[in-house]
Amino acid sequence: MSSFCAMDGETLVLNILGTPGAKKDAIGKAKGAQLKISVTAAPVAGKATDHMVRFLADEFGVATADITVVFGRFNINKQLRIRAPGKLPAVVAKALSEAKS
């Protein structure tokens, strides 16, 4: 995967560089082959990852059960799989359209 995201059938695969303990929940810019995502939750026992999944479920228009943490539950480097996203944040939509062309 040369970008931070790719489609695998109807599933979106996202490589993430997480920032816990941020001032606000936000989807940032791409940094190499990762997408920067900040969350307000503290990095304690996977709580920041759980919070990130809830935040991203809303951003992508899916249920939290549709998001799988492939790796990185206790690490800032993560990979998530989002089944059948209902909507795409602008940075993700742009990366996917560039990958097609």
C-alpha atoms as a PDB file:
ATOM      1  CA  MET A   1       0.000   0.000   0.000  1.00  0.00           C
ATOM      2  CA  SER A   2       1.782   3.137  -1.197  1.00  0.00           C
ATOM      3  CA  SER A   3      -0.847   5.503   0.238  1.00  0.00           C
ATOM      4  CA  PHE A   4      -2.266   5.558   3.770  1.00  0.00           C
ATOM      5  CA  CYS A   5      -5.492   4.007   2.468  1.00  0.00           C
ATOM      6  CA  ALA A   6      -6.749   1.454  -0.032  1.00  0.00           C
ATOM      7  CA  MET A   7      -9.972  -0.337  -0.831  1.00  0.00           C
ATOM      8  CA  ASP A   8     -10.070  -4.109  -0.400  1.00  0.00           C
ATOM      9  CA  GLY A   9     -13.406  -4.972  -2.004  1.00  0.00           C
ATOM     10  CA  GLU A  10     -15.946  -2.969   0.002  1.00  0.00           C
ATOM     11  CA  THR A  11     -13.556  -2.568   2.959  1.00  0.00           C
ATOM     12  CA  LEU A  12     -11.375   0.509   3.446  1.00  0.00           C
ATOM     13  CA  VAL A  13      -7.909  -0.231   4.874  1.00  0.00           C
ATOM     14  CA  LEU A  14      -6.364   2.723   6.748  1.00  0.00           C
ATOM     15  CA  ASN A  15      -2.830   3.082   8.129  1.00  0.00           C
ATOM     16  CA  ILE A  16      -2.916   5.543  11.013  1.00  0.00           C
ATOM     17  CA  LEU A  17      -0.458   7.566  13.054  1.00  0.00           C
ATOM     18  CA  GLY A  18      -2.433   8.263  16.213  1.00  0.00           C
ATOM     19  CA  THR A  19      -2.007  11.170  18.605  1.00  0.00           C
ATOM     20  CA  PRO A  20      -3.682  10.541  21.980  1.00  0.00           C
ATOM     21  CA  GLY A  21      -4.342  13.271  24.531  1.00  0.00           C
ATOM     22  CA  ALA A  22      -4.982  15.942  21.882  1.00  0.00           C
ATOM     23  CA  LYS A  23      -7.083  19.082  22.402  1.00  0.00           C
ATOM     24  CA  LYS A  24      -9.773  17.804  20.019  1.00  0.00           C
ATOM     25  CA  ASP A  25     -10.676  14.775  17.930  1.00  0.00           C
ATOM     26  CA  ALA A  26      -9.545  15.411  14.367  1.00  0.00           C
ATOM     27  CA  ILE A  27      -8.534  13.756  11.116  1.00  0.00           C
ATOM     28  CA  GLY A  28      -5.305  15.377   9.989  1.00  0.00           C
ATOM     29  CA  LYS A  29      -3.127  15.140   6.913  1.00  0.00           C
ATOM     30  CA  ALA A  30      -1.202  12.273   5.444  1.00  0.00           C
ATOM     31  CA  LYS A  31       2.305  11.748   6.772  1.00  0.00           C
ATOM     32  CA  GLY A  32       4.044   9.347   4.424  1.00  0.00           C
ATOM     33  CA  ALA A  33       2.017   6.147   4.299  1.00  0.00           C
ATOM     34  CA  GLN A  34      -0.032   7.037   7.405  1.00  0.00           C
ATOM     35  CA  LEU A  35      -2.975   9.326   8.136  1.00  0.00           C
ATOM     36  CA  LYS A  36      -2.613  11.469  11.250  1.00  0.00           C
ATOM     37  CA  ILE A  37      -5.588  11.187  13.596  1.00  0.00           C
ATOM     38  CA  SER A  38      -5.783  12.964  16.944  1.00  0.00           C
ATOM     39  CA  VAL A  39      -8.072  11.979  19.802  1.00  0.00           C
ATOM     40  CA  THR A  40      -8.727  13.536  23.194  1.00  0.00           C
ATOM     41  CA  ALA A  41      -8.571  10.252  25.110  1.00  0.00           C
ATOM     42  CA  ALA A  42      -5.491   9.386  27.153  1.00  0.00           C
ATOM     43  CA  PRO A  43      -3.326   6.451  26.021  1.00  0.00           C
ATOM     44  CA  VAL A  44      -4.296   4.117  28.858  1.00  0.00           C
ATOM     45  CA  ALA A  45      -5.039   0.411  28.295  1.00  0.00           C
ATOM     46  CA  GLY A  46      -6.272   0.904  24.729  1.00  0.00           C
ATOM     47  CA  LYS A  47      -8.819   3.588  25.682  1.00  0.00           C
ATOM     48  CA  ALA A  48      -7.453   6.031  23.083  1.00  0.00           C
ATOM     49  CA  THR A  49      -7.858   3.398  20.354  1.00  0.00           C
ATOM     50  CA  ASP A  50     -11.409   2.638  21.513  1.00  0.00           C
ATOM     51  CA  HIS A  51     -12.189   6.364  21.447  1.00  0.00           C
ATOM     52  CA  MET A  52     -10.632   6.648  17.974  1.00  0.00           C
ATOM     53  CA  VAL A  53     -12.847   3.823  16.682  1.00  0.00           C
ATOM     54  CA  ARG A  54     -15.974   5.578  18.013  1.00  0.00           C
ATOM     55  CA  PHE A  55     -14.853   8.908  16.487  1.00  0.00           C
ATOM     56  CA  LEU A  56     -14.059   7.329  13.115  1.00  0.00           C
ATOM     57  CA  ALA A  57     -17.323   5.357  13.045  1.00  0.00           C
ATOM     58  CA  ASP A  58     -19.168   8.676  13.043  1.00  0.00           C
ATOM     59  CA  GLU A  59     -16.777  10.227  10.488  1.00  0.00           C
ATOM     60  CA  PHE A  60     -17.170   7.286   8.073  1.00  0.00           C
ATOM     61  CA  GLY A  61     -20.894   6.705   8.669  1.00  0.00           C
ATOM     62  CA  VAL A  62     -20.571   3.169  10.031  1.00  0.00           C
ATOM     63  CA  ALA A  63     -21.237   1.336  13.284  1.00  0.00           C
ATOM     64  CA  THR A  64     -18.283   0.769  15.613  1.00  0.00           C
ATOM     65  CA  ALA A  65     -18.684  -2.963  14.924  1.00  0.00           C
ATOM     66  CA  ASP A  66     -17.794  -2.264  11.269  1.00  0.00           C
ATOM     67  CA  ILE A  67     -14.292  -1.109  12.273  1.00  0.00           C
ATOM     68  CA  THR A  68     -11.612  -3.686  13.016  1.00  0.00           C
ATOM     69  CA  VAL A  69      -8.250  -2.821  14.562  1.00  0.00           C
ATOM     70  CA  VAL A  70      -5.850  -5.051  12.603  1.00  0.00           C
ATOM     71  CA  PHE A  71      -2.823  -4.018  14.651  1.00  0.00           C
ATOM     72  CA  GLY A  72      -1.691  -1.219  16.948  1.00  0.00           C
ATOM     73  CA  ARG A  73      -4.354  -1.303  19.666  1.00  0.00           C
ATOM     74  CA  PHE A  74      -1.708  -0.214  22.214  1.00  0.00           C
ATOM     75  CA  ASN A  75       0.534   1.707  19.800  1.00  0.00           C
ATOM     76  CA  ILE A  76       0.390   4.981  17.858  1.00  0.00           C
ATOM     77  CA  ASN A  77       0.943   3.066  14.593  1.00  0.00           C
ATOM     78  CA  LYS A  78      -2.299   1.333  13.665  1.00  0.00           C
ATOM     79  CA  GLN A  79      -4.106  -0.309  10.811  1.00  0.00           C
ATOM     80  CA  LEU A  80      -7.894  -0.276  10.695  1.00  0.00           C
ATOM     81  CA  ARG A  81     -10.351  -1.961   8.362  1.00  0.00           C
ATOM     82  CA  ILE A  82     -13.653  -0.126   7.875  1.00  0.00           C
ATOM     83  CA  ARG A  83     -16.391  -2.231   6.291  1.00  0.00           C
ATOM     84  CA  ALA A  84     -18.549  -0.454   3.679  1.00  0.00           C
ATOM     85  CA  PRO A  85     -17.939   3.180   4.693  1.00  0.00           C
ATOM     86  CA  GLY A  86     -21.071   5.290   4.191  1.00  0.00           C
ATOM     87  CA  LYS A  87     -19.074   8.486   3.736  1.00  0.00           C
ATOM     88  CA  LEU A  88     -15.438   9.432   3.240  1.00  0.00           C
ATOM     89  CA  PRO A  89     -13.647  12.389   4.831  1.00  0.00           C
ATOM     90  CA  ALA A  90     -12.137  14.673   2.157  1.00  0.00           C
ATOM     91  CA  VAL A  91      -8.517  13.605   2.725  1.00  0.00           C
ATOM     92  CA  VAL A  92      -9.453   9.918   2.263  1.00  0.00           C
ATOM     93  CA  ALA A  93     -11.677  10.537  -0.781  1.00  0.00           C
ATOM     94  CA  LYS A  94      -8.857  12.526  -2.418  1.00  0.00           C
ATOM     95  CA  ALA A  95      -6.260   9.792  -1.763  1.00  0.00           C
ATOM     96  CA  LEU A  96      -8.534   7.079  -3.154  1.00  0.00           C
ATOM     97  CA  SER A  97      -9.332   9.075  -6.298  1.00  0.00           C
ATOM     98  CA  GLU A  98      -5.615   9.749  -6.878  1.00  0.00           C
ATOM     99  CA  ALA A  99      -4.857   6.049  -6.470  1.00  0.00           C
ATOM    100  CA  LYS A 100      -7.364   5.204  -9.239  1.00  0.00           C
ATOM    101  CA  SER A 101      -5.835   7.608 -11.762  1.00  0.00           C
END
